[in-house]
Amino acid sequence: MTGPQAPPDADDEPIFGVCGPDGASIRCRVCGAVDEVVGDEVPSMAGYGEDTYVRCTRCGSVETTDPIFGWRAKPAPWPPTTKHDQP
């Protein structure tokens, strides 16, 4: 199954959205994976606040936040490209 492909300028759009009954699941809008995310919060390297990330384990798309740059999205290319054998 292939999921929806993120447009090239999708860096301003959220990568993850809620789905399912009562919004109980998290869905990757790049590859369509449901509840296949990992995330964490760590003390910020800025010296105050926290840095956070949420990453899709299927396609590698990431949303990050930090006190200096704020929210950022880094969608992965989908479907993934394969390396072609070169002659």
Protein backbone atom coordinates (compact mmCIF):
# COMPACT_ATOMS: atom_id res chain seq x y z
CA MET A 1 0.00 0.00 0.00
CA THR A 2 1.30 3.43 -0.83
CA GLY A 3 0.20 6.44 1.14
CA PRO A 4 -0.32 10.00 0.04
CA GLN A 5 2.76 11.80 -1.21
CA ALA A 6 3.76 15.05 0.47
CA PRO A 7 4.01 18.03 -1.86
CA PRO A 8 7.52 19.49 -2.32
CA ASP A 9 6.70 22.58 -0.24
CA ALA A 10 5.21 20.59 2.66
CA ASP A 11 7.72 21.93 5.20
CA ASP A 12 5.03 24.30 6.53
CA GLU A 13 2.37 21.61 6.90
CA PRO A 14 2.03 19.27 9.90
CA ILE A 15 3.29 15.77 9.18
CA PHE A 16 1.17 14.03 11.80
CA GLY A 17 -2.55 14.16 12.38
CA VAL A 18 -5.03 12.38 14.60
CA CYS A 19 -7.32 9.69 13.26
CA GLY A 20 -9.58 6.92 14.45
CA PRO A 21 -12.40 7.02 16.94
CA ASP A 22 -12.07 10.00 19.27
CA GLY A 23 -8.69 10.86 17.69
CA ALA A 24 -7.01 8.02 19.55
CA SER A 25 -4.39 7.30 16.85
CA ILE A 26 -1.62 9.30 15.18
CA ARG A 27 -1.32 9.08 11.39
CA CYS A 28 1.65 10.10 9.26
CA ARG A 29 0.36 12.28 6.42
CA VAL A 30 3.39 11.43 4.26
CA CYS A 31 3.23 7.61 4.13
CA GLY A 32 -0.12 6.86 5.79
CA ALA A 33 1.32 4.83 8.70
CA VAL A 34 -0.89 4.74 11.81
CA ASP A 35 0.60 4.66 15.32
CA GLU A 36 4.11 4.04 13.98
CA VAL A 37 5.76 7.05 15.61
CA VAL A 38 8.45 7.61 18.21
CA GLY A 39 9.23 10.82 20.01
CA ASP A 40 11.07 12.31 22.93
CA GLU A 41 11.75 15.50 24.88
CA VAL A 42 15.24 16.48 26.00
CA PRO A 43 16.70 19.57 27.67
CA SER A 44 17.39 22.14 24.99
CA MET A 45 20.91 22.87 23.82
CA ALA A 46 19.86 26.54 23.97
CA GLY A 47 20.17 26.34 27.75
CA TYR A 48 16.46 26.74 28.50
CA GLY A 49 13.26 24.93 27.56
CA GLU A 50 13.08 21.58 25.82
CA ASP A 51 13.76 20.20 22.36
CA THR A 52 11.20 17.68 21.11
CA TYR A 53 10.86 15.41 18.12
CA VAL A 54 8.30 13.03 16.68
CA ARG A 55 9.48 10.66 13.91
CA CYS A 56 7.60 8.20 11.72
CA THR A 57 9.30 4.81 11.97
CA ARG A 58 8.07 3.83 8.50
CA CYS A 59 9.19 6.74 6.29
CA GLY A 60 11.46 8.80 8.56
CA SER A 61 9.50 12.07 8.42
CA VAL A 62 10.17 14.26 11.46
CA GLU A 63 8.57 17.17 13.33
CA THR A 64 10.85 19.02 15.76
CA THR A 65 10.47 21.92 18.18
CA ASP A 66 13.02 23.94 20.07
CA PRO A 67 13.10 27.31 21.88
CA ILE A 68 15.22 29.03 19.21
CA PHE A 69 13.75 27.89 15.87
CA GLY A 70 10.28 26.80 17.01
CA TRP A 71 8.32 24.15 15.09
CA ARG A 72 9.79 22.55 11.96
CA ALA A 73 8.70 19.74 9.67
CA LYS A 74 11.03 17.59 7.60
CA PRO A 75 8.94 15.28 5.40
CA ALA A 76 10.73 12.32 3.90
CA PRO A 77 10.36 11.59 0.17
CA TRP A 78 7.56 9.10 -0.38
CA PRO A 79 7.44 6.64 -1.94
CA PRO A 80 11.12 6.02 -1.24
CA THR A 81 13.40 6.07 -4.24
CA THR A 82 15.48 3.04 -5.06
CA LYS A 83 19.07 3.17 -6.19
CA HIS A 84 19.43 2.01 -9.77
CA ASP A 85 22.39 -0.09 -10.76
CA GLN A 86 24.73 2.02 -12.83
CA PRO A 87 26.65 0.41 -15.72
